[in-house]
């Protein structure tokens, strides 16, 4: 057991390749989510909750993407 964890980069899911990443906000609660935006269905795929800017950075790092 080490102090430092190795960052695991996940591959972008096959069905999400070529999609843009978008942050959407709920009209009721103002809760923000980030994920891969499907233009055809107007849905976010693989959504994750965003509480701060570090959550956005973590999403990009998780998939090995650049802003």
PDB file of N, CA and C in Angstrom:
ATOM      1  N   UNK A   1       0.832  -1.181   0.000  1.00  0.00           N
ATOM      2  CA  UNK A   1       0.000   0.000   0.000  1.00  0.00           C
ATOM      3  C   UNK A   1       0.871   1.236   0.000  1.00  0.00           C
ATOM      4  N   UNK A   2       0.662   2.080  -0.993  1.00  0.00           N
ATOM      5  CA  UNK A   2       1.416   3.303  -1.063  1.00  0.00           C
ATOM      6  C   UNK A   2       0.557   4.510  -0.735  1.00  0.00           C
ATOM      7  N   UNK A   3       1.221   5.595  -0.556  1.00  0.00           N
ATOM      8  CA  UNK A   3       0.521   6.837  -0.263  1.00  0.00           C
ATOM      9  C   UNK A   3      -0.110   7.395  -1.530  1.00  0.00           C
ATOM     10  N   UNK A   4       0.586   7.231  -2.633  1.00  0.00           N
ATOM     11  CA  UNK A   4       0.136   7.807  -3.888  1.00  0.00           C
ATOM     12  C   UNK A   4      -0.588   6.761  -4.709  1.00  0.00           C
ATOM     13  N   UNK A   5      -1.741   7.163  -5.241  1.00  0.00           N
ATOM     14  CA  UNK A   5      -2.497   6.265  -6.106  1.00  0.00           C
ATOM     15  C   UNK A   5      -2.181   6.590  -7.558  1.00  0.00           C
ATOM     16  N   UNK A   6      -2.080   5.576  -8.353  1.00  0.00           N
ATOM     17  CA  UNK A   6      -1.857   5.768  -9.777  1.00  0.00           C
ATOM     18  C   UNK A   6      -3.183   6.172 -10.411  1.00  0.00           C
ATOM     19  N   UNK A   7      -3.152   7.235 -11.213  1.00  0.00           N
ATOM     20  CA  UNK A   7      -4.371   7.690 -11.863  1.00  0.00           C
ATOM     21  C   UNK A   7      -4.743   6.711 -12.963  1.00  0.00           C
ATOM     22  N   UNK A   8      -5.968   6.264 -12.916  1.00  0.00           N
ATOM     23  CA  UNK A   8      -6.468   5.337 -13.927  1.00  0.00           C
ATOM     24  C   UNK A   8      -7.269   6.139 -14.944  1.00  0.00           C
ATOM     25  N   UNK A   9      -6.839   6.099 -16.201  1.00  0.00           N
ATOM     26  CA  UNK A   9      -7.526   6.795 -17.274  1.00  0.00           C
ATOM     27  C   UNK A   9      -8.429   5.798 -17.985  1.00  0.00           C
ATOM     28  N   UNK A  10      -9.721   6.106 -17.972  1.00  0.00           N
ATOM     29  CA  UNK A  10     -10.690   5.246 -18.653  1.00  0.00           C
ATOM     30  C   UNK A  10     -10.769   5.653 -20.117  1.00  0.00           C
ATOM     31  N   UNK A  11     -10.977   4.694 -21.009  1.00  0.00           N
ATOM     32  CA  UNK A  11     -11.194   5.071 -22.408  1.00  0.00           C
ATOM     33  C   UNK A  11     -12.579   5.691 -22.559  1.00  0.00           C
ATOM     34  N   UNK A  12     -12.715   6.587 -23.521  1.00  0.00           N
ATOM     35  CA  UNK A  12     -14.023   7.182 -23.810  1.00  0.00           C
ATOM     36  C   UNK A  12     -14.932   6.057 -24.310  1.00  0.00           C
ATOM     37  N   UNK A  13     -16.142   5.935 -23.752  1.00  0.00           N
ATOM     38  CA  UNK A  13     -17.045   4.867 -24.198  1.00  0.00           C
ATOM     39  C   UNK A  13     -17.270   4.913 -25.710  1.00  0.00           C
ATOM     40  N   UNK A  14     -17.369   3.753 -26.312  1.00  0.00           N
ATOM     41  CA  UNK A  14     -17.489   3.631 -27.776  1.00  0.00           C
ATOM     42  C   UNK A  14     -18.642   4.471 -28.329  1.00  0.00           C
ATOM     43  N   UNK A  15     -19.793   4.443 -27.669  1.00  0.00           N
ATOM     44  CA  UNK A  15     -20.952   5.176 -28.188  1.00  0.00           C
ATOM     45  C   UNK A  15     -20.836   6.684 -27.981  1.00  0.00           C
ATOM     46  N   UNK A  16     -19.837   7.138 -27.242  1.00  0.00           N
ATOM     47  CA  UNK A  16     -19.657   8.563 -26.970  1.00  0.00           C
ATOM     48  C   UNK A  16     -18.534   9.199 -27.782  1.00  0.00           C
ATOM     49  N   UNK A  17     -17.866   8.434 -28.586  1.00  0.00           N
ATOM     50  CA  UNK A  17     -16.762   9.000 -29.377  1.00  0.00           C
ATOM     51  C   UNK A  17     -17.290  10.011 -30.378  1.00  0.00           C
ATOM     52  N   UNK A  18     -16.650  11.145 -30.435  1.00  0.00           N
ATOM     53  CA  UNK A  18     -17.054  12.213 -31.343  1.00  0.00           C
ATOM     54  C   UNK A  18     -18.091  13.153 -30.738  1.00  0.00           C
ATOM     55  N   UNK A  19     -18.582  12.844 -29.552  1.00  0.00           N
ATOM     56  CA  UNK A  19     -19.556  13.714 -28.890  1.00  0.00           C
ATOM     57  C   UNK A  19     -18.827  14.799 -28.114  1.00  0.00           C
ATOM     58  N   UNK A  20     -19.496  15.927 -27.945  1.00  0.00           N
ATOM     59  CA  UNK A  20     -18.932  17.022 -27.164  1.00  0.00           C
ATOM     60  C   UNK A  20     -19.286  16.824 -25.696  1.00  0.00           C
ATOM     61  N   UNK A  21     -18.470  17.394 -24.844  1.00  0.00           N
ATOM     62  CA  UNK A  21     -18.726  17.361 -23.412  1.00  0.00           C
ATOM     63  C   UNK A  21     -19.487  18.632 -23.061  1.00  0.00           C
ATOM     64  N   UNK A  22     -20.544  18.459 -22.274  1.00  0.00           N
ATOM     65  CA  UNK A  22     -21.396  19.595 -21.953  1.00  0.00           C
ATOM     66  C   UNK A  22     -21.762  19.586 -20.476  1.00  0.00           C
ATOM     67  N   UNK A  23     -21.874  20.778 -19.908  1.00  0.00           N
ATOM     68  CA  UNK A  23     -22.339  20.931 -18.539  1.00  0.00           C
ATOM     69  C   UNK A  23     -23.762  21.474 -18.613  1.00  0.00           C
ATOM     70  N   UNK A  24     -24.692  20.775 -17.973  1.00  0.00           N
ATOM     71  CA  UNK A  24     -26.087  21.208 -17.969  1.00  0.00           C
ATOM     72  C   UNK A  24     -26.515  21.498 -16.533  1.00  0.00           C
ATOM     73  N   UNK A  25     -27.420  22.443 -16.397  1.00  0.00           N
ATOM     74  CA  UNK A  25     -27.916  22.842 -15.093  1.00  0.00           C
ATOM     75  C   UNK A  25     -29.416  22.574 -15.019  1.00  0.00           C
ATOM     76  N   UNK A  26     -29.877  22.061 -13.895  1.00  0.00           N
ATOM     77  CA  UNK A  26     -31.288  21.795 -13.673  1.00  0.00           C
ATOM     78  C   UNK A  26     -32.023  23.116 -13.468  1.00  0.00           C
ATOM     79  N   UNK A  27     -33.184  23.269 -14.089  1.00  0.00           N
ATOM     80  CA  UNK A  27     -33.953  24.493 -13.917  1.00  0.00           C
ATOM     81  C   UNK A  27     -34.600  24.566 -12.544  1.00  0.00           C
ATOM     82  N   UNK A  28     -34.889  23.438 -11.947  1.00  0.00           N
ATOM     83  CA  UNK A  28     -35.552  23.422 -10.634  1.00  0.00           C
ATOM     84  C   UNK A  28     -34.577  23.659  -9.484  1.00  0.00           C
ATOM     85  N   UNK A  29     -33.528  22.863  -9.443  1.00  0.00           N
ATOM     86  CA  UNK A  29     -32.617  22.895  -8.298  1.00  0.00           C
ATOM     87  C   UNK A  29     -31.307  23.622  -8.568  1.00  0.00           C
ATOM     88  N   UNK A  30     -30.974  23.833  -9.818  1.00  0.00           N
ATOM     89  CA  UNK A  30     -29.707  24.459 -10.165  1.00  0.00           C
ATOM     90  C   UNK A  30     -28.540  23.503 -10.112  1.00  0.00           C
ATOM     91  N   UNK A  31     -28.828  22.223  -9.885  1.00  0.00           N
ATOM     92  CA  UNK A  31     -27.786  21.199  -9.822  1.00  0.00           C
ATOM     93  C   UNK A  31     -27.143  21.051 -11.199  1.00  0.00           C
ATOM     94  N   UNK A  32     -25.818  20.981 -11.232  1.00  0.00           N
ATOM     95  CA  UNK A  32     -25.095  20.877 -12.499  1.00  0.00           C
ATOM     96  C   UNK A  32     -24.558  19.466 -12.693  1.00  0.00           C
ATOM     97  N   UNK A  33     -24.609  19.003 -13.939  1.00  0.00           N
ATOM     98  CA  UNK A  33     -24.036  17.712 -14.303  1.00  0.00           C
ATOM     99  C   UNK A  33     -23.187  17.892 -15.549  1.00  0.00           C
ATOM    100  N   UNK A  34     -22.177  17.041 -15.674  1.00  0.00           N
ATOM    101  CA  UNK A  34     -21.302  17.051 -16.833  1.00  0.00           C
ATOM    102  C   UNK A  34     -21.343  15.664 -17.465  1.00  0.00           C
ATOM    103  N   UNK A  35     -21.235  15.624 -18.781  1.00  0.00           N
ATOM    104  CA  UNK A  35     -21.226  14.348 -19.471  1.00  0.00           C
ATOM    105  C   UNK A  35     -21.093  14.538 -20.972  1.00  0.00           C
ATOM    106  N   UNK A  36     -21.197  13.447 -21.693  1.00  0.00           N
ATOM    107  CA  UNK A  36     -21.111  13.474 -23.153  1.00  0.00           C
ATOM    108  C   UNK A  36     -22.491  13.799 -23.707  1.00  0.00           C
ATOM    109  N   UNK A  37     -22.588  14.839 -24.535  1.00  0.00           N
ATOM    110  CA  UNK A  37     -23.876  15.327 -25.030  1.00  0.00           C
ATOM    111  C   UNK A  37     -24.236  14.676 -26.361  1.00  0.00           C
ATOM    112  N   UNK A  38     -25.390  14.013 -26.384  1.00  0.00           N
ATOM    113  CA  UNK A  38     -25.915  13.391 -27.596  1.00  0.00           C
ATOM    114  C   UNK A  38     -26.875  14.378 -28.246  1.00  0.00           C
ATOM    115  N   UNK A  39     -26.514  14.914 -29.399  1.00  0.00           N
ATOM    116  CA  UNK A  39     -27.332  15.922 -30.073  1.00  0.00           C
ATOM    117  C   UNK A  39     -28.662  15.363 -30.566  1.00  0.00           C
ATOM    118  N   UNK A  40     -28.673  14.097 -30.952  1.00  0.00           N
ATOM    119  CA  UNK A  40     -29.903  13.511 -31.493  1.00  0.00           C
ATOM    120  C   UNK A  40     -30.992  13.383 -30.433  1.00  0.00           C
ATOM    121  N   UNK A  41     -30.636  12.921 -29.256  1.00  0.00           N
ATOM    122  CA  UNK A  41     -31.613  12.712 -28.192  1.00  0.00           C
ATOM    123  C   UNK A  41     -31.635  13.851 -27.178  1.00  0.00           C
ATOM    124  N   UNK A  42     -30.677  14.769 -27.300  1.00  0.00           N
ATOM    125  CA  UNK A  42     -30.534  15.908 -26.389  1.00  0.00           C
ATOM    126  C   UNK A  42     -30.402  15.455 -24.935  1.00  0.00           C
ATOM    127  N   UNK A  43     -29.622  14.407 -24.750  1.00  0.00           N
ATOM    128  CA  UNK A  43     -29.363  13.857 -23.424  1.00  0.00           C
ATOM    129  C   UNK A  43     -27.875  13.875 -23.124  1.00  0.00           C
ATOM    130  N   UNK A  44     -27.573  13.844 -21.850  1.00  0.00           N
ATOM    131  CA  UNK A  44     -26.187  13.694 -21.418  1.00  0.00           C
ATOM    132  C   UNK A  44     -25.978  12.227 -21.067  1.00  0.00           C
ATOM    133  N   UNK A  45     -24.938  11.654 -21.653  1.00  0.00           N
ATOM    134  CA  UNK A  45     -24.599  10.268 -21.373  1.00  0.00           C
ATOM    135  C   UNK A  45     -23.445  10.240 -20.375  1.00  0.00           C
ATOM    136  N   UNK A  46     -23.468   9.279 -19.468  1.00  0.00           N
ATOM    137  CA  UNK A  46     -22.477   9.122 -18.409  1.00  0.00           C
ATOM    138  C   UNK A  46     -22.380  10.399 -17.571  1.00  0.00           C
ATOM    139  N   UNK A  47     -23.519  10.875 -17.048  1.00  0.00           N
ATOM    140  CA  UNK A  47     -23.496  12.123 -16.278  1.00  0.00           C
ATOM    141  C   UNK A  47     -22.825  11.967 -14.923  1.00  0.00           C
ATOM    142  N   UNK A  48     -22.206  13.052 -14.484  1.00  0.00           N
ATOM    143  CA  UNK A  48     -21.585  13.114 -13.164  1.00  0.00           C
ATOM    144  C   UNK A  48     -21.928  14.464 -12.550  1.00  0.00           C
ATOM    145  N   UNK A  49     -22.132  14.486 -11.260  1.00  0.00           N
ATOM    146  CA  UNK A  49     -22.491  15.700 -10.536  1.00  0.00           C
ATOM    147  C   UNK A  49     -21.301  16.650 -10.459  1.00  0.00           C
ATOM    148  N   UNK A  50     -21.569  17.948 -10.649  1.00  0.00           N
ATOM    149  CA  UNK A  50     -20.536  18.974 -10.571  1.00  0.00           C
ATOM    150  C   UNK A  50     -20.852  19.887  -9.395  1.00  0.00           C
ATOM    151  N   UNK A  51     -19.953  19.905  -8.422  1.00  0.00           N
ATOM    152  CA  UNK A  51     -20.105  20.801  -7.277  1.00  0.00           C
ATOM    153  C   UNK A  51     -19.126  21.957  -7.343  1.00  0.00           C
ATOM    154  N   UNK A  52     -17.997  21.748  -8.024  1.00  0.00           N
ATOM    155  CA  UNK A  52     -16.985  22.797  -8.141  1.00  0.00           C
ATOM    156  C   UNK A  52     -16.185  22.587  -9.430  1.00  0.00           C
ATOM    157  N   UNK A  53     -15.287  23.522  -9.700  1.00  0.00           N
ATOM    158  CA  UNK A  53     -14.450  23.430 -10.899  1.00  0.00           C
ATOM    159  C   UNK A  53     -13.545  22.201 -10.860  1.00  0.00           C
ATOM    160  N   UNK A  54     -13.185  21.762  -9.670  1.00  0.00           N
ATOM    161  CA  UNK A  54     -12.318  20.586  -9.566  1.00  0.00           C
ATOM    162  C   UNK A  54     -13.045  19.325 -10.051  1.00  0.00           C
ATOM    163  N   UNK A  55     -14.373  19.284  -9.944  1.00  0.00           N
ATOM    164  CA  UNK A  55     -15.139  18.153 -10.452  1.00  0.00           C
ATOM    165  C   UNK A  55     -15.094  18.111 -11.981  1.00  0.00           C
ATOM    166  N   UNK A  56     -15.114  19.277 -12.610  1.00  0.00           N
ATOM    167  CA  UNK A  56     -15.020  19.358 -14.076  1.00  0.00           C
ATOM    168  C   UNK A  56     -13.643  18.874 -14.523  1.00  0.00           C
ATOM    169  N   UNK A  57     -12.603  19.334 -13.841  1.00  0.00           N
ATOM    170  CA  UNK A  57     -11.238  18.922 -14.170  1.00  0.00           C
ATOM    171  C   UNK A  57     -11.076  17.414 -13.970  1.00  0.00           C
ATOM    172  N   UNK A  58     -11.685  16.877 -12.920  1.00  0.00           N
ATOM    173  CA  UNK A  58     -11.596  15.446 -12.638  1.00  0.00           C
ATOM    174  C   UNK A  58     -12.269  14.627 -13.745  1.00  0.00           C
ATOM    175  N   UNK A  59     -13.367  15.134 -14.306  1.00  0.00           N
ATOM    176  CA  UNK A  59     -14.052  14.436 -15.395  1.00  0.00           C
ATOM    177  C   UNK A  59     -13.142  14.341 -16.620  1.00  0.00           C
ATOM    178  N   UNK A  60     -12.511  15.459 -16.970  1.00  0.00           N
ATOM    179  CA  UNK A  60     -11.600  15.465 -18.121  1.00  0.00           C
ATOM    180  C   UNK A  60     -10.410  14.535 -17.882  1.00  0.00           C
ATOM    181  N   UNK A  61      -9.858  14.559 -16.676  1.00  0.00           N
ATOM    182  CA  UNK A  61      -8.724  13.692 -16.348  1.00  0.00           C
ATOM    183  C   UNK A  61      -9.116  12.225 -16.348  1.00  0.00           C
ATOM    184  N   UNK A  62     -10.322  11.932 -15.924  1.00  0.00           N
ATOM    185  CA  UNK A  62     -10.818  10.555 -15.862  1.00  0.00           C
ATOM    186  C   UNK A  62     -10.775   9.895 -17.227  1.00  0.00           C
ATOM    187  N   UNK A  63     -11.117  10.664 -18.272  1.00  0.00           N
ATOM    188  CA  UNK A  63     -11.134  10.122 -19.632  1.00  0.00           C
ATOM    189  C   UNK A  63      -9.905  10.524 -20.438  1.00  0.00           C
ATOM    190  N   UNK A  64      -8.956  11.205 -19.815  1.00  0.00           N
ATOM    191  CA  UNK A  64      -7.727  11.589 -20.498  1.00  0.00           C
ATOM    192  C   UNK A  64      -7.941  12.614 -21.593  1.00  0.00           C
ATOM    193  N   UNK A  65      -8.872  13.527 -21.374  1.00  0.00           N
ATOM    194  CA  UNK A  65      -9.207  14.552 -22.370  1.00  0.00           C
ATOM    195  C   UNK A  65      -8.663  15.890 -21.945  1.00  0.00           C
ATOM    196  N   UNK A  66      -8.543  16.811 -22.920  1.00  0.00           N
ATOM    197  CA  UNK A  66      -8.108  18.176 -22.649  1.00  0.00           C
ATOM    198  C   UNK A  66      -9.288  19.094 -22.858  1.00  0.00           C
ATOM    199  N   UNK A  67      -9.285  20.200 -22.115  1.00  0.00           N
ATOM    200  CA  UNK A  67     -10.348  21.199 -22.255  1.00  0.00           C
ATOM    201  C   UNK A  67     -10.240  21.926 -23.563  1.00  0.00           C
TER     202      UNK A  67
END
